[in-house]
Amino acid sequence: MDPAEVAQIGFKAMQDGEADVVAGLKNKLQVAMAKILPSQVTAEQHRKLAAPGTAQDG
């Protein structure tokens, strides 16, 4: 997602008094999966995403 779009979604949520917001389908799916998967699986997925050299040019 475009960073400006994410910021706009977050700002609107803040103005609406929402405690949290998840922008984008991929992120929403990750949140949903984290709620049902064992924590070890979620931690391994996070490790892979956060590893040095895994950043994607936007």
N, C-alpha and C. Protein backbone atom coordinates (compact mmCIF):
# COMPACT_ATOMS: atom_id res chain seq x y z
N MET A 1 0.84 -1.19 0.00
CA MET A 1 0.00 0.00 0.00
C MET A 1 0.88 1.24 0.00
N ASP A 2 0.33 2.27 -0.55
CA ASP A 2 1.00 3.56 -0.57
C ASP A 2 1.05 4.13 0.86
N PRO A 3 2.22 4.59 1.32
CA PRO A 3 2.31 5.12 2.69
C PRO A 3 1.32 6.26 2.96
N ALA A 4 1.06 7.10 1.98
CA ALA A 4 0.11 8.19 2.18
C ALA A 4 -1.30 7.65 2.42
N GLU A 5 -1.65 6.58 1.73
CA GLU A 5 -2.96 5.97 1.91
C GLU A 5 -3.09 5.35 3.30
N VAL A 6 -2.03 4.69 3.75
CA VAL A 6 -2.01 4.10 5.09
C VAL A 6 -2.16 5.20 6.14
N ALA A 7 -1.42 6.30 5.95
CA ALA A 7 -1.51 7.41 6.89
C ALA A 7 -2.92 8.00 6.92
N GLN A 8 -3.53 8.12 5.77
CA GLN A 8 -4.89 8.67 5.68
C GLN A 8 -5.88 7.76 6.42
N ILE A 9 -5.74 6.46 6.24
CA ILE A 9 -6.62 5.50 6.91
C ILE A 9 -6.43 5.60 8.42
N GLY A 10 -5.18 5.66 8.85
CA GLY A 10 -4.89 5.76 10.28
C GLY A 10 -5.39 7.05 10.89
N PHE A 11 -5.22 8.15 10.17
CA PHE A 11 -5.66 9.45 10.67
C PHE A 11 -7.18 9.49 10.81
N LYS A 12 -7.88 8.94 9.81
CA LYS A 12 -9.34 8.90 9.89
C LYS A 12 -9.80 8.04 11.06
N ALA A 13 -9.13 6.91 11.28
CA ALA A 13 -9.48 6.04 12.40
C ALA A 13 -9.27 6.77 13.72
N MET A 14 -8.19 7.53 13.82
CA MET A 14 -7.92 8.29 15.03
C MET A 14 -9.02 9.33 15.27
N GLN A 15 -9.42 10.02 14.21
CA GLN A 15 -10.47 11.03 14.34
C GLN A 15 -11.80 10.40 14.74
N ASP A 16 -12.02 9.17 14.30
CA ASP A 16 -13.26 8.45 14.63
C ASP A 16 -13.20 7.79 16.00
N GLY A 17 -12.06 7.91 16.69
CA GLY A 17 -11.92 7.36 18.03
C GLY A 17 -11.63 5.88 18.08
N GLU A 18 -11.21 5.30 16.97
CA GLU A 18 -10.89 3.87 16.95
C GLU A 18 -9.57 3.63 17.67
N ALA A 19 -9.51 2.56 18.45
CA ALA A 19 -8.30 2.25 19.21
C ALA A 19 -7.21 1.68 18.31
N ASP A 20 -7.61 0.95 17.29
CA ASP A 20 -6.63 0.39 16.36
C ASP A 20 -7.28 0.20 15.00
N VAL A 21 -6.44 0.10 13.98
CA VAL A 21 -6.92 -0.08 12.62
C VAL A 21 -5.86 -0.86 11.85
N VAL A 22 -6.31 -1.73 10.96
CA VAL A 22 -5.40 -2.49 10.12
C VAL A 22 -5.71 -2.12 8.67
N ALA A 23 -4.72 -1.58 7.98
CA ALA A 23 -4.92 -1.13 6.61
C ALA A 23 -4.45 -2.21 5.63
N GLY A 24 -5.25 -2.52 4.66
CA GLY A 24 -4.86 -3.44 3.59
C GLY A 24 -5.29 -4.87 3.83
N LEU A 25 -5.66 -5.52 2.75
CA LEU A 25 -6.14 -6.90 2.82
C LEU A 25 -5.06 -7.86 3.34
N LYS A 26 -3.86 -7.73 2.84
CA LYS A 26 -2.77 -8.63 3.27
C LYS A 26 -2.55 -8.51 4.78
N ASN A 27 -2.53 -7.29 5.28
CA ASN A 27 -2.33 -7.08 6.71
C ASN A 27 -3.50 -7.63 7.51
N LYS A 28 -4.72 -7.46 7.02
CA LYS A 28 -5.89 -7.99 7.71
C LYS A 28 -5.85 -9.51 7.77
N LEU A 29 -5.41 -10.13 6.68
CA LEU A 29 -5.28 -11.59 6.68
C LEU A 29 -4.22 -12.05 7.67
N GLN A 30 -3.11 -11.33 7.75
CA GLN A 30 -2.05 -11.69 8.70
C GLN A 30 -2.55 -11.59 10.14
N VAL A 31 -3.32 -10.55 10.44
CA VAL A 31 -3.86 -10.39 11.79
C VAL A 31 -4.82 -11.54 12.10
N ALA A 32 -5.68 -11.87 11.14
CA ALA A 32 -6.64 -12.96 11.35
C ALA A 32 -5.93 -14.29 11.56
N MET A 33 -4.91 -14.55 10.76
CA MET A 33 -4.17 -15.81 10.89
C MET A 33 -3.41 -15.87 12.23
N ALA A 34 -2.90 -14.74 12.68
CA ALA A 34 -2.16 -14.71 13.95
C ALA A 34 -3.06 -15.08 15.12
N LYS A 35 -4.36 -14.84 14.97
CA LYS A 35 -5.29 -15.15 16.05
C LYS A 35 -5.61 -16.64 16.14
N ILE A 36 -5.40 -17.38 15.04
CA ILE A 36 -5.77 -18.80 15.06
C ILE A 36 -4.57 -19.74 15.00
N LEU A 37 -3.43 -19.24 14.53
CA LEU A 37 -2.25 -20.09 14.43
C LEU A 37 -1.51 -20.16 15.77
N PRO A 38 -0.78 -21.25 16.01
CA PRO A 38 0.05 -21.31 17.21
C PRO A 38 1.09 -20.18 17.19
N SER A 39 1.46 -19.70 18.36
CA SER A 39 2.39 -18.57 18.44
C SER A 39 3.74 -18.89 17.81
N GLN A 40 4.17 -20.15 17.83
CA GLN A 40 5.45 -20.51 17.21
C GLN A 40 5.40 -20.30 15.70
N VAL A 41 4.29 -20.59 15.08
CA VAL A 41 4.14 -20.40 13.63
C VAL A 41 4.15 -18.91 13.31
N THR A 42 3.41 -18.14 14.09
CA THR A 42 3.36 -16.70 13.89
C THR A 42 4.74 -16.08 14.08
N ALA A 43 5.48 -16.52 15.09
CA ALA A 43 6.83 -16.00 15.35
C ALA A 43 7.76 -16.33 14.19
N GLU A 44 7.65 -17.51 13.62
CA GLU A 44 8.50 -17.90 12.49
C GLU A 44 8.19 -17.05 11.26
N GLN A 45 6.92 -16.79 11.02
CA GLN A 45 6.54 -15.93 9.90
C GLN A 45 7.11 -14.52 10.09
N HIS A 46 7.00 -14.02 11.31
CA HIS A 46 7.53 -12.68 11.60
C HIS A 46 9.04 -12.66 11.41
N ARG A 47 9.72 -13.71 11.87
CA ARG A 47 11.17 -13.78 11.73
C ARG A 47 11.57 -13.68 10.26
N LYS A 48 10.86 -14.38 9.40
CA LYS A 48 11.17 -14.35 7.97
C LYS A 48 10.92 -12.97 7.36
N LEU A 49 9.83 -12.33 7.78
CA LEU A 49 9.50 -11.02 7.24
C LEU A 49 10.45 -9.93 7.72
N ALA A 50 10.97 -10.09 8.95
CA ALA A 50 11.79 -9.05 9.56
C ALA A 50 13.29 -9.27 9.37
N ALA A 51 13.67 -10.36 8.73
CA ALA A 51 15.09 -10.67 8.56
C ALA A 51 15.78 -9.61 7.72
N PRO A 52 17.03 -9.29 8.05
CA PRO A 52 17.78 -8.32 7.24
C PRO A 52 17.83 -8.76 5.78
N GLY A 53 17.67 -7.80 4.90
CA GLY A 53 17.72 -8.08 3.46
C GLY A 53 16.40 -8.49 2.85
N THR A 54 15.33 -8.49 3.62
CA THR A 54 14.03 -8.92 3.08
C THR A 54 13.13 -7.75 2.69
N ALA A 55 13.62 -6.52 2.84
CA ALA A 55 12.80 -5.36 2.50
C ALA A 55 12.51 -5.34 1.00
N GLN A 56 11.33 -4.85 0.67
CA GLN A 56 10.93 -4.76 -0.72
C GLN A 56 10.85 -3.29 -1.11
N ASP A 57 11.39 -2.95 -2.26
CA ASP A 57 11.27 -1.59 -2.75
C ASP A 57 9.84 -1.36 -3.18
N GLY A 58 9.29 -0.21 -2.75
CA GLY A 58 7.90 0.03 -2.93
C GLY A 58 7.45 0.56 -4.20
